[in-house]
């Protein structure tokens, strides 16, 4: 996955990833979150992630397991990702998923 340097990236994916990582601090499930730079390849390239965002045109498409669940304004991306991450983490805990640290990847 080599999106961060792609000309289509319209958002600072590294800044977004840092903000999401900070928001997940203290979480104890191995949630995989993908922060993608564009909506063209984002969801497809991050389909292995539990949760992700593909950003562009001032918006972010939030997806779970490769399926877009909502589109939010860029200003709401981090907040929405954290909210969705908490929902997924709660379900993972109910399902007895082994504890671990969340991982945020940039592509």
PDB file of N, CA and C in Angstrom:
ATOM      1  N   UNK A   1       0.846  -1.174   0.000  1.00  0.00           N
ATOM      2  CA  UNK A   1       0.000   0.000   0.000  1.00  0.00           C
ATOM      3  C   UNK A   1       0.888   1.233   0.000  1.00  0.00           C
ATOM      4  N   UNK A   2       0.746   2.066  -1.005  1.00  0.00           N
ATOM      5  CA  UNK A   2       1.641   3.204  -1.113  1.00  0.00           C
ATOM      6  C   UNK A   2       0.894   4.498  -1.420  1.00  0.00           C
ATOM      7  N   UNK A   3      -0.162   4.764  -0.708  1.00  0.00           N
ATOM      8  CA  UNK A   3      -0.962   5.946  -0.990  1.00  0.00           C
ATOM      9  C   UNK A   3      -0.437   7.282  -0.455  1.00  0.00           C
ATOM     10  N   UNK A   4       0.282   7.360   0.660  1.00  0.00           N
ATOM     11  CA  UNK A   4       0.571   8.670   1.225  1.00  0.00           C
ATOM     12  C   UNK A   4       1.229   9.655   0.260  1.00  0.00           C
ATOM     13  N   UNK A   5       2.021   9.183  -0.675  1.00  0.00           N
ATOM     14  CA  UNK A   5       2.689  10.101  -1.584  1.00  0.00           C
ATOM     15  C   UNK A   5       1.926  10.278  -2.891  1.00  0.00           C
ATOM     16  N   UNK A   6       0.795   9.639  -3.027  1.00  0.00           N
ATOM     17  CA  UNK A   6      -0.003   9.726  -4.246  1.00  0.00           C
ATOM     18  C   UNK A   6      -0.543  11.140  -4.411  1.00  0.00           C
ATOM     19  N   UNK A   7      -0.621  11.591  -5.649  1.00  0.00           N
ATOM     20  CA  UNK A   7      -1.130  12.918  -5.932  1.00  0.00           C
ATOM     21  C   UNK A   7      -2.591  13.110  -5.574  1.00  0.00           C
ATOM     22  N   UNK A   8      -3.337  12.021  -5.362  1.00  0.00           N
ATOM     23  CA  UNK A   8      -4.753  12.141  -5.025  1.00  0.00           C
ATOM     24  C   UNK A   8      -4.981  12.431  -3.546  1.00  0.00           C
ATOM     25  N   UNK A   9      -3.979  12.224  -2.703  1.00  0.00           N
ATOM     26  CA  UNK A   9      -4.152  12.446  -1.266  1.00  0.00           C
ATOM     27  C   UNK A   9      -4.476  13.919  -1.015  1.00  0.00           C
ATOM     28  N   UNK A  10      -5.631  14.183  -0.408  1.00  0.00           N
ATOM     29  CA  UNK A  10      -6.072  15.555  -0.170  1.00  0.00           C
ATOM     30  C   UNK A  10      -6.145  15.880   1.315  1.00  0.00           C
ATOM     31  N   UNK A  11      -5.564  15.039   2.129  1.00  0.00           N
ATOM     32  CA  UNK A  11      -5.608  15.243   3.571  1.00  0.00           C
ATOM     33  C   UNK A  11      -4.275  14.761   4.143  1.00  0.00           C
ATOM     34  N   UNK A  12      -3.871  15.324   5.269  1.00  0.00           N
ATOM     35  CA  UNK A  12      -2.624  14.906   5.914  1.00  0.00           C
ATOM     36  C   UNK A  12      -2.887  13.598   6.666  1.00  0.00           C
ATOM     37  N   UNK A  13      -2.621  12.482   5.984  1.00  0.00           N
ATOM     38  CA  UNK A  13      -2.946  11.181   6.566  1.00  0.00           C
ATOM     39  C   UNK A  13      -2.130  10.887   7.821  1.00  0.00           C
ATOM     40  N   UNK A  14      -0.906  11.407   7.884  1.00  0.00           N
ATOM     41  CA  UNK A  14      -0.081  11.158   9.064  1.00  0.00           C
ATOM     42  C   UNK A  14      -0.633  11.898  10.283  1.00  0.00           C
ATOM     43  N   UNK A  15      -1.091  13.120  10.087  1.00  0.00           N
ATOM     44  CA  UNK A  15      -1.703  13.871  11.189  1.00  0.00           C
ATOM     45  C   UNK A  15      -2.973  13.168  11.659  1.00  0.00           C
ATOM     46  N   UNK A  16      -3.804  12.756  10.697  1.00  0.00           N
ATOM     47  CA  UNK A  16      -5.028  12.022  11.046  1.00  0.00           C
ATOM     48  C   UNK A  16      -4.695  10.759  11.838  1.00  0.00           C
ATOM     49  N   UNK A  17      -3.705  10.009  11.367  1.00  0.00           N
ATOM     50  CA  UNK A  17      -3.322   8.761  12.040  1.00  0.00           C
ATOM     51  C   UNK A  17      -2.844   9.036  13.461  1.00  0.00           C
ATOM     52  N   UNK A  18      -2.065  10.096  13.647  1.00  0.00           N
ATOM     53  CA  UNK A  18      -1.585  10.445  14.991  1.00  0.00           C
ATOM     54  C   UNK A  18      -2.750  10.784  15.914  1.00  0.00           C
ATOM     55  N   UNK A  19      -3.725  11.527  15.392  1.00  0.00           N
ATOM     56  CA  UNK A  19      -4.884  11.907  16.207  1.00  0.00           C
ATOM     57  C   UNK A  19      -5.731  10.679  16.564  1.00  0.00           C
ATOM     58  N   UNK A  20      -5.888   9.775  15.621  1.00  0.00           N
ATOM     59  CA  UNK A  20      -6.658   8.555  15.881  1.00  0.00           C
ATOM     60  C   UNK A  20      -5.913   7.680  16.894  1.00  0.00           C
ATOM     61  N   UNK A  21      -4.603   7.546  16.720  1.00  0.00           N
ATOM     62  CA  UNK A  21      -3.790   6.758  17.657  1.00  0.00           C
ATOM     63  C   UNK A  21      -3.936   7.298  19.076  1.00  0.00           C
ATOM     64  N   UNK A  22      -3.863   8.619  19.219  1.00  0.00           N
ATOM     65  CA  UNK A  22      -4.008   9.238  20.540  1.00  0.00           C
ATOM     66  C   UNK A  22      -5.392   8.944  21.121  1.00  0.00           C
ATOM     67  N   UNK A  23      -6.418   8.968  20.274  1.00  0.00           N
ATOM     68  CA  UNK A  23      -7.776   8.712  20.727  1.00  0.00           C
ATOM     69  C   UNK A  23      -8.020   7.281  21.152  1.00  0.00           C
ATOM     70  N   UNK A  24      -7.200   6.366  20.653  1.00  0.00           N
ATOM     71  CA  UNK A  24      -7.359   4.944  20.990  1.00  0.00           C
ATOM     72  C   UNK A  24      -6.490   4.524  22.173  1.00  0.00           C
ATOM     73  N   UNK A  25      -5.741   5.462  22.715  1.00  0.00           N
ATOM     74  CA  UNK A  25      -4.848   5.143  23.826  1.00  0.00           C
ATOM     75  C   UNK A  25      -5.625   4.533  24.981  1.00  0.00           C
ATOM     76  N   UNK A  26      -5.107   3.459  25.509  1.00  0.00           N
ATOM     77  CA  UNK A  26      -5.766   2.770  26.615  1.00  0.00           C
ATOM     78  C   UNK A  26      -6.682   1.640  26.170  1.00  0.00           C
ATOM     79  N   UNK A  27      -6.993   1.580  24.885  1.00  0.00           N
ATOM     80  CA  UNK A  27      -7.830   0.498  24.372  1.00  0.00           C
ATOM     81  C   UNK A  27      -7.043  -0.807  24.460  1.00  0.00           C
ATOM     82  N   UNK A  28      -7.722  -1.887  24.792  1.00  0.00           N
ATOM     83  CA  UNK A  28      -7.022  -3.149  25.005  1.00  0.00           C
ATOM     84  C   UNK A  28      -7.510  -4.268  24.106  1.00  0.00           C
ATOM     85  N   UNK A  29      -7.895  -3.922  22.886  1.00  0.00           N
ATOM     86  CA  UNK A  29      -8.246  -4.934  21.890  1.00  0.00           C
ATOM     87  C   UNK A  29      -7.412  -4.676  20.638  1.00  0.00           C
ATOM     88  N   UNK A  30      -7.080  -5.725  19.914  1.00  0.00           N
ATOM     89  CA  UNK A  30      -6.220  -5.581  18.730  1.00  0.00           C
ATOM     90  C   UNK A  30      -6.974  -5.078  17.492  1.00  0.00           C
ATOM     91  N   UNK A  31      -7.603  -3.936  17.641  1.00  0.00           N
ATOM     92  CA  UNK A  31      -8.360  -3.315  16.553  1.00  0.00           C
ATOM     93  C   UNK A  31      -7.396  -2.795  15.491  1.00  0.00           C
ATOM     94  N   UNK A  32      -7.711  -3.056  14.214  1.00  0.00           N
ATOM     95  CA  UNK A  32      -6.877  -2.569  13.100  1.00  0.00           C
ATOM     96  C   UNK A  32      -7.603  -1.431  12.403  1.00  0.00           C
ATOM     97  N   UNK A  33      -6.983  -0.239  12.420  1.00  0.00           N
ATOM     98  CA  UNK A  33      -7.576   0.960  11.840  1.00  0.00           C
ATOM     99  C   UNK A  33      -6.687   1.440  10.692  1.00  0.00           C
ATOM    100  N   UNK A  34      -7.292   1.680   9.534  1.00  0.00           N
ATOM    101  CA  UNK A  34      -6.557   2.157   8.364  1.00  0.00           C
ATOM    102  C   UNK A  34      -6.946   3.598   8.055  1.00  0.00           C
ATOM    103  N   UNK A  35      -5.942   4.444   7.851  1.00  0.00           N
ATOM    104  CA  UNK A  35      -6.175   5.833   7.469  1.00  0.00           C
ATOM    105  C   UNK A  35      -5.671   5.979   6.043  1.00  0.00           C
ATOM    106  N   UNK A  36      -6.599   6.176   5.120  1.00  0.00           N
ATOM    107  CA  UNK A  36      -6.274   6.223   3.697  1.00  0.00           C
ATOM    108  C   UNK A  36      -6.382   7.642   3.167  1.00  0.00           C
ATOM    109  N   UNK A  37      -5.550   7.948   2.173  1.00  0.00           N
ATOM    110  CA  UNK A  37      -5.481   9.302   1.637  1.00  0.00           C
ATOM    111  C   UNK A  37      -6.510   9.658   0.587  1.00  0.00           C
ATOM    112  N   UNK A  38      -7.207   8.700   0.025  1.00  0.00           N
ATOM    113  CA  UNK A  38      -8.194   9.053  -0.999  1.00  0.00           C
ATOM    114  C   UNK A  38      -9.307   8.012  -1.052  1.00  0.00           C
ATOM    115  N   UNK A  39     -10.425   8.422  -1.649  1.00  0.00           N
ATOM    116  CA  UNK A  39     -11.576   7.528  -1.721  1.00  0.00           C
ATOM    117  C   UNK A  39     -11.522   6.586  -2.918  1.00  0.00           C
ATOM    118  N   UNK A  40     -10.549   6.786  -3.800  1.00  0.00           N
ATOM    119  CA  UNK A  40     -10.457   5.941  -4.989  1.00  0.00           C
ATOM    120  C   UNK A  40     -10.025   4.518  -4.621  1.00  0.00           C
ATOM    121  N   UNK A  41      -8.906   4.388  -3.936  1.00  0.00           N
ATOM    122  CA  UNK A  41      -8.388   3.070  -3.591  1.00  0.00           C
ATOM    123  C   UNK A  41      -8.539   2.724  -2.112  1.00  0.00           C
ATOM    124  N   UNK A  42      -8.885   3.707  -1.301  1.00  0.00           N
ATOM    125  CA  UNK A  42      -8.919   3.528   0.146  1.00  0.00           C
ATOM    126  C   UNK A  42      -9.624   2.298   0.659  1.00  0.00           C
ATOM    127  N   UNK A  43     -10.945   2.195   0.477  1.00  0.00           N
ATOM    128  CA  UNK A  43     -11.655   1.051   1.052  1.00  0.00           C
ATOM    129  C   UNK A  43     -11.146  -0.301   0.547  1.00  0.00           C
ATOM    130  N   UNK A  44     -10.820  -0.389  -0.716  1.00  0.00           N
ATOM    131  CA  UNK A  44     -10.338  -1.657  -1.263  1.00  0.00           C
ATOM    132  C   UNK A  44      -8.991  -2.053  -0.697  1.00  0.00           C
ATOM    133  N   UNK A  45      -8.086  -1.076  -0.569  1.00  0.00           N
ATOM    134  CA  UNK A  45      -6.746  -1.376  -0.069  1.00  0.00           C
ATOM    135  C   UNK A  45      -6.748  -1.698   1.419  1.00  0.00           C
ATOM    136  N   UNK A  46      -7.724  -1.204   2.147  1.00  0.00           N
ATOM    137  CA  UNK A  46      -7.750  -1.420   3.594  1.00  0.00           C
ATOM    138  C   UNK A  46      -8.831  -2.409   4.016  1.00  0.00           C
ATOM    139  N   UNK A  47      -9.260  -3.262   3.112  1.00  0.00           N
ATOM    140  CA  UNK A  47     -10.367  -4.170   3.437  1.00  0.00           C
ATOM    141  C   UNK A  47     -10.028  -5.144   4.566  1.00  0.00           C
ATOM    142  N   UNK A  48      -8.752  -5.342   4.828  1.00  0.00           N
ATOM    143  CA  UNK A  48      -8.367  -6.235   5.925  1.00  0.00           C
ATOM    144  C   UNK A  48      -8.499  -5.561   7.287  1.00  0.00           C
ATOM    145  N   UNK A  49      -8.637  -4.229   7.299  1.00  0.00           N
ATOM    146  CA  UNK A  49      -8.749  -3.499   8.563  1.00  0.00           C
ATOM    147  C   UNK A  49     -10.147  -3.674   9.151  1.00  0.00           C
ATOM    148  N   UNK A  50     -10.236  -3.530  10.464  1.00  0.00           N
ATOM    149  CA  UNK A  50     -11.537  -3.575  11.133  1.00  0.00           C
ATOM    150  C   UNK A  50     -12.315  -2.293  10.859  1.00  0.00           C
ATOM    151  N   UNK A  51     -11.580  -1.192  10.767  1.00  0.00           N
ATOM    152  CA  UNK A  51     -12.175   0.128  10.641  1.00  0.00           C
ATOM    153  C   UNK A  51     -11.228   1.003   9.843  1.00  0.00           C
ATOM    154  N   UNK A  52     -11.769   1.937   9.090  1.00  0.00           N
ATOM    155  CA  UNK A  52     -10.886   2.827   8.351  1.00  0.00           C
ATOM    156  C   UNK A  52     -11.590   4.044   7.820  1.00  0.00           C
ATOM    157  N   UNK A  53     -10.787   4.929   7.242  1.00  0.00           N
ATOM    158  CA  UNK A  53     -11.316   6.119   6.594  1.00  0.00           C
ATOM    159  C   UNK A  53     -10.563   6.340   5.292  1.00  0.00           C
ATOM    160  N   UNK A  54     -11.304   6.738   4.279  1.00  0.00           N
ATOM    161  CA  UNK A  54     -10.728   7.159   3.010  1.00  0.00           C
ATOM    162  C   UNK A  54     -11.155   8.607   2.845  1.00  0.00           C
ATOM    163  N   UNK A  55     -10.180   9.510   2.745  1.00  0.00           N
ATOM    164  CA  UNK A  55     -10.464  10.937   2.777  1.00  0.00           C
ATOM    165  C   UNK A  55     -10.291  11.607   1.436  1.00  0.00           C
ATOM    166  N   UNK A  56     -11.036  12.688   1.231  1.00  0.00           N
ATOM    167  CA  UNK A  56     -10.900  13.498   0.028  1.00  0.00           C
ATOM    168  C   UNK A  56     -12.045  14.473  -0.117  1.00  0.00           C
ATOM    169  N   UNK A  57     -11.800  15.572  -0.816  1.00  0.00           N
ATOM    170  CA  UNK A  57     -12.830  16.590  -1.060  1.00  0.00           C
ATOM    171  C   UNK A  57     -13.473  17.105   0.221  1.00  0.00           C
ATOM    172  N   UNK A  58     -12.686  17.210   1.293  1.00  0.00           N
ATOM    173  CA  UNK A  58     -13.225  17.738   2.548  1.00  0.00           C
ATOM    174  C   UNK A  58     -14.120  16.777   3.299  1.00  0.00           C
ATOM    175  N   UNK A  59     -14.118  15.504   2.890  1.00  0.00           N
ATOM    176  CA  UNK A  59     -14.976  14.499   3.538  1.00  0.00           C
ATOM    177  C   UNK A  59     -14.178  13.231   3.825  1.00  0.00           C
ATOM    178  N   UNK A  60     -14.731  12.398   4.642  1.00  0.00           N
ATOM    179  CA  UNK A  60     -14.138  11.093   4.908  1.00  0.00           C
ATOM    180  C   UNK A  60     -15.191  10.013   4.824  1.00  0.00           C
ATOM    181  N   UNK A  61     -14.892   8.968   4.073  1.00  0.00           N
ATOM    182  CA  UNK A  61     -15.786   7.808   4.042  1.00  0.00           C
ATOM    183  C   UNK A  61     -15.303   6.857   5.122  1.00  0.00           C
ATOM    184  N   UNK A  62     -16.146   6.586   6.070  1.00  0.00           N
ATOM    185  CA  UNK A  62     -15.820   5.689   7.176  1.00  0.00           C
ATOM    186  C   UNK A  62     -16.273   4.297   6.759  1.00  0.00           C
ATOM    187  N   UNK A  63     -15.383   3.315   6.894  1.00  0.00           N
ATOM    188  CA  UNK A  63     -15.767   1.969   6.518  1.00  0.00           C
ATOM    189  C   UNK A  63     -15.369   0.955   7.575  1.00  0.00           C
ATOM    190  N   UNK A  64     -16.148  -0.105   7.636  1.00  0.00           N
ATOM    191  CA  UNK A  64     -15.921  -1.219   8.551  1.00  0.00           C
ATOM    192  C   UNK A  64     -15.796  -2.467   7.690  1.00  0.00           C
ATOM    193  N   UNK A  65     -14.667  -3.169   7.826  1.00  0.00           N
ATOM    194  CA  UNK A  65     -14.412  -4.381   7.036  1.00  0.00           C
ATOM    195  C   UNK A  65     -14.619  -4.134   5.538  1.00  0.00           C
ATOM    196  N   UNK A  66     -14.171  -2.971   5.049  1.00  0.00           N
ATOM    197  CA  UNK A  66     -14.240  -2.665   3.629  1.00  0.00           C
ATOM    198  C   UNK A  66     -15.566  -2.127   3.134  1.00  0.00           C
ATOM    199  N   UNK A  67     -16.582  -2.065   4.006  1.00  0.00           N
ATOM    200  CA  UNK A  67     -17.899  -1.566   3.612  1.00  0.00           C
ATOM    201  C   UNK A  67     -18.092  -0.150   4.147  1.00  0.00           C
ATOM    202  N   UNK A  68     -18.395   0.802   3.262  1.00  0.00           N
ATOM    203  CA  UNK A  68     -18.637   2.177   3.695  1.00  0.00           C
ATOM    204  C   UNK A  68     -19.904   2.217   4.541  1.00  0.00           C
ATOM    205  N   UNK A  69     -19.797   2.789   5.739  1.00  0.00           N
ATOM    206  CA  UNK A  69     -20.963   2.875   6.619  1.00  0.00           C
ATOM    207  C   UNK A  69     -21.495   4.301   6.712  1.00  0.00           C
ATOM    208  N   UNK A  70     -20.639   5.305   6.444  1.00  0.00           N
ATOM    209  CA  UNK A  70     -21.097   6.690   6.464  1.00  0.00           C
ATOM    210  C   UNK A  70     -20.028   7.594   5.874  1.00  0.00           C
ATOM    211  N   UNK A  71     -20.457   8.784   5.495  1.00  0.00           N
ATOM    212  CA  UNK A  71     -19.551   9.818   5.018  1.00  0.00           C
ATOM    213  C   UNK A  71     -19.719  11.016   5.944  1.00  0.00           C
ATOM    214  N   UNK A  72     -18.583  11.554   6.407  1.00  0.00           N
ATOM    215  CA  UNK A  72     -18.623  12.668   7.358  1.00  0.00           C
ATOM    216  C   UNK A  72     -17.730  13.801   6.870  1.00  0.00           C
ATOM    217  N   UNK A  73     -17.976  15.047   7.342  1.00  0.00           N
ATOM    218  CA  UNK A  73     -17.084  16.147   6.986  1.00  0.00           C
ATOM    219  C   UNK A  73     -15.686  15.891   7.560  1.00  0.00           C
ATOM    220  N   UNK A  74     -14.667  16.436   6.910  1.00  0.00           N
ATOM    221  CA  UNK A  74     -13.286  16.217   7.357  1.00  0.00           C
ATOM    222  C   UNK A  74     -13.104  16.547   8.839  1.00  0.00           C
ATOM    223  N   UNK A  75     -13.789  17.573   9.320  1.00  0.00           N
ATOM    224  CA  UNK A  75     -13.658  17.990  10.722  1.00  0.00           C
ATOM    225  C   UNK A  75     -14.185  16.945  11.704  1.00  0.00           C
ATOM    226  N   UNK A  76     -14.965  15.988  11.223  1.00  0.00           N
ATOM    227  CA  UNK A  76     -15.562  14.957  12.101  1.00  0.00           C
ATOM    228  C   UNK A  76     -14.909  13.587  11.942  1.00  0.00           C
ATOM    229  N   UNK A  77     -13.877  13.470  11.098  1.00  0.00           N
ATOM    230  CA  UNK A  77     -13.281  12.161  10.823  1.00  0.00           C
ATOM    231  C   UNK A  77     -12.746  11.502  12.087  1.00  0.00           C
ATOM    232  N   UNK A  78     -11.893  12.210  12.827  1.00  0.00           N
ATOM    233  CA  UNK A  78     -11.261  11.598  13.998  1.00  0.00           C
ATOM    234  C   UNK A  78     -12.310  11.209  15.031  1.00  0.00           C
ATOM    235  N   UNK A  79     -13.206  12.132  15.328  1.00  0.00           N
ATOM    236  CA  UNK A  79     -14.267  11.868  16.306  1.00  0.00           C
ATOM    237  C   UNK A  79     -15.102  10.647  15.908  1.00  0.00           C
ATOM    238  N   UNK A  80     -15.458  10.567  14.633  1.00  0.00           N
ATOM    239  CA  UNK A  80     -16.272   9.454  14.157  1.00  0.00           C
ATOM    240  C   UNK A  80     -15.501   8.142  14.215  1.00  0.00           C
ATOM    241  N   UNK A  81     -14.230   8.169  13.814  1.00  0.00           N
ATOM    242  CA  UNK A  81     -13.414   6.943  13.885  1.00  0.00           C
ATOM    243  C   UNK A  81     -13.305   6.438  15.319  1.00  0.00           C
ATOM    244  N   UNK A  82     -13.090   7.351  16.263  1.00  0.00           N
ATOM    245  CA  UNK A  82     -12.966   6.944  17.668  1.00  0.00           C
ATOM    246  C   UNK A  82     -14.282   6.337  18.155  1.00  0.00           C
ATOM    247  N   UNK A  83     -15.407   6.997  17.814  1.00  0.00           N
ATOM    248  CA  UNK A  83     -16.724   6.462  18.223  1.00  0.00           C
ATOM    249  C   UNK A  83     -16.941   5.057  17.666  1.00  0.00           C
ATOM    250  N   UNK A  84     -16.661   4.884  16.370  1.00  0.00           N
ATOM    251  CA  UNK A  84     -16.851   3.571  15.746  1.00  0.00           C
ATOM    252  C   UNK A  84     -15.876   2.545  16.329  1.00  0.00           C
ATOM    253  N   UNK A  85     -14.657   2.982  16.613  1.00  0.00           N
ATOM    254  CA  UNK A  85     -13.663   2.081  17.209  1.00  0.00           C
ATOM    255  C   UNK A  85     -14.138   1.563  18.561  1.00  0.00           C
ATOM    256  N   UNK A  86     -14.745   2.437  19.342  1.00  0.00           N
ATOM    257  CA  UNK A  86     -15.238   2.031  20.660  1.00  0.00           C
ATOM    258  C   UNK A  86     -16.358   0.991  20.518  1.00  0.00           C
ATOM    259  N   UNK A  87     -17.239   1.188  19.532  1.00  0.00           N
ATOM    260  CA  UNK A  87     -18.318   0.217  19.299  1.00  0.00           C
ATOM    261  C   UNK A  87     -17.742  -1.147  18.903  1.00  0.00           C
ATOM    262  N   UNK A  88     -16.782  -1.125  17.991  1.00  0.00           N
ATOM    263  CA  UNK A  88     -16.172  -2.378  17.522  1.00  0.00           C
ATOM    264  C   UNK A  88     -15.406  -3.048  18.658  1.00  0.00           C
ATOM    265  N   UNK A  89     -14.676  -2.251  19.435  1.00  0.00           N
ATOM    266  CA  UNK A  89     -13.905  -2.805  20.551  1.00  0.00           C
ATOM    267  C   UNK A  89     -14.819  -3.467  21.577  1.00  0.00           C
ATOM    268  N   UNK A  90     -15.950  -2.830  21.841  1.00  0.00           N
ATOM    269  CA  UNK A  90     -16.918  -3.397  22.788  1.00  0.00           C
ATOM    270  C   UNK A  90     -17.419  -4.750  22.291  1.00  0.00           C
ATOM    271  N   UNK A  91     -17.717  -4.824  21.000  1.00  0.00           N
ATOM    272  CA  UNK A  91     -18.181  -6.088  20.422  1.00  0.00           C
ATOM    273  C   UNK A  91     -17.073  -7.142  20.464  1.00  0.00           C
ATOM    274  N   UNK A  92     -15.835  -6.723  20.173  1.00  0.00           N
ATOM    275  CA  UNK A  92     -14.709  -7.659  20.204  1.00  0.00           C
ATOM    276  C   UNK A  92     -14.538  -8.240  21.609  1.00  0.00           C
ATOM    277  N   UNK A  93     -14.714  -7.379  22.615  1.00  0.00           N
ATOM    278  CA  UNK A  93     -14.592  -7.862  23.988  1.00  0.00           C
ATOM    279  C   UNK A  93     -15.709  -8.847  24.316  1.00  0.00           C
ATOM    280  N   UNK A  94     -16.927  -8.546  23.871  1.00  0.00           N
ATOM    281  CA  UNK A  94     -18.051  -9.456  24.090  1.00  0.00           C
ATOM    282  C   UNK A  94     -17.810 -10.797  23.410  1.00  0.00           C
ATOM    283  N   UNK A  95     -17.150 -10.747  22.243  1.00  0.00           N
ATOM    284  CA  UNK A  95     -16.870 -11.966  21.487  1.00  0.00           C
ATOM    285  C   UNK A  95     -15.658 -12.721  22.022  1.00  0.00           C
ATOM    286  N   UNK A  96     -15.019 -12.181  23.060  1.00  0.00           N
ATOM    287  CA  UNK A  96     -13.887 -12.863  23.672  1.00  0.00           C
ATOM    288  C   UNK A  96     -12.581 -12.774  22.907  1.00  0.00           C
ATOM    289  N   UNK A  97     -12.424 -11.733  22.086  1.00  0.00           N
ATOM    290  CA  UNK A  97     -11.163 -11.551  21.353  1.00  0.00           C
ATOM    291  C   UNK A  97     -10.056 -11.279  22.363  1.00  0.00           C
ATOM    292  N   UNK A  98      -8.913 -11.917  22.172  1.00  0.00           N
ATOM    293  CA  UNK A  98      -7.784 -11.750  23.079  1.00  0.00           C
ATOM    294  C   UNK A  98      -7.376 -10.279  23.154  1.00  0.00           C
ATOM    295  N   UNK A  99      -6.901  -9.864  24.313  1.00  0.00           N
ATOM    296  CA  UNK A  99      -6.502  -8.477  24.450  1.00  0.00           C
ATOM    297  C   UNK A  99      -5.229  -8.198  23.662  1.00  0.00           C
ATOM    298  N   UNK A 100      -5.036  -6.943  23.364  1.00  0.00           N
ATOM    299  CA  UNK A 100      -3.877  -6.507  22.591  1.00  0.00           C
ATOM    300  C   UNK A 100      -3.976  -5.021  22.353  1.00  0.00           C
ATOM    301  N   UNK A 101      -3.021  -4.462  21.653  1.00  0.00           N
ATOM    302  CA  UNK A 101      -3.029  -3.042  21.373  1.00  0.00           C
ATOM    303  C   UNK A 101      -3.609  -2.774  19.984  1.00  0.00           C
ATOM    304  N   UNK A 102      -4.356  -1.671  19.842  1.00  0.00           N
ATOM    305  CA  UNK A 102      -4.842  -1.313  18.518  1.00  0.00           C
ATOM    306  C   UNK A 102      -3.681  -0.905  17.613  1.00  0.00           C
ATOM    307  N   UNK A 103      -3.856  -1.055  16.318  1.00  0.00           N
ATOM    308  CA  UNK A 103      -2.835  -0.664  15.347  1.00  0.00           C
ATOM    309  C   UNK A 103      -3.460   0.270  14.326  1.00  0.00           C
ATOM    310  N   UNK A 104      -2.807   1.423  14.102  1.00  0.00           N
ATOM    311  CA  UNK A 104      -3.267   2.375  13.110  1.00  0.00           C
ATOM    312  C   UNK A 104      -2.245   2.373  11.972  1.00  0.00           C
ATOM    313  N   UNK A 105      -2.697   2.116  10.763  1.00  0.00           N
ATOM    314  CA  UNK A 105      -1.798   2.121   9.617  1.00  0.00           C
ATOM    315  C   UNK A 105      -2.203   3.217   8.638  1.00  0.00           C
ATOM    316  N   UNK A 106      -1.218   3.754   7.963  1.00  0.00           N
ATOM    317  CA  UNK A 106      -1.427   4.804   6.975  1.00  0.00           C
ATOM    318  C   UNK A 106      -1.135   4.225   5.605  1.00  0.00           C
ATOM    319  N   UNK A 107      -2.041   4.464   4.688  1.00  0.00           N
ATOM    320  CA  UNK A 107      -1.821   4.014   3.313  1.00  0.00           C
ATOM    321  C   UNK A 107      -2.444   4.994   2.363  1.00  0.00           C
TER     322      UNK A 107
END
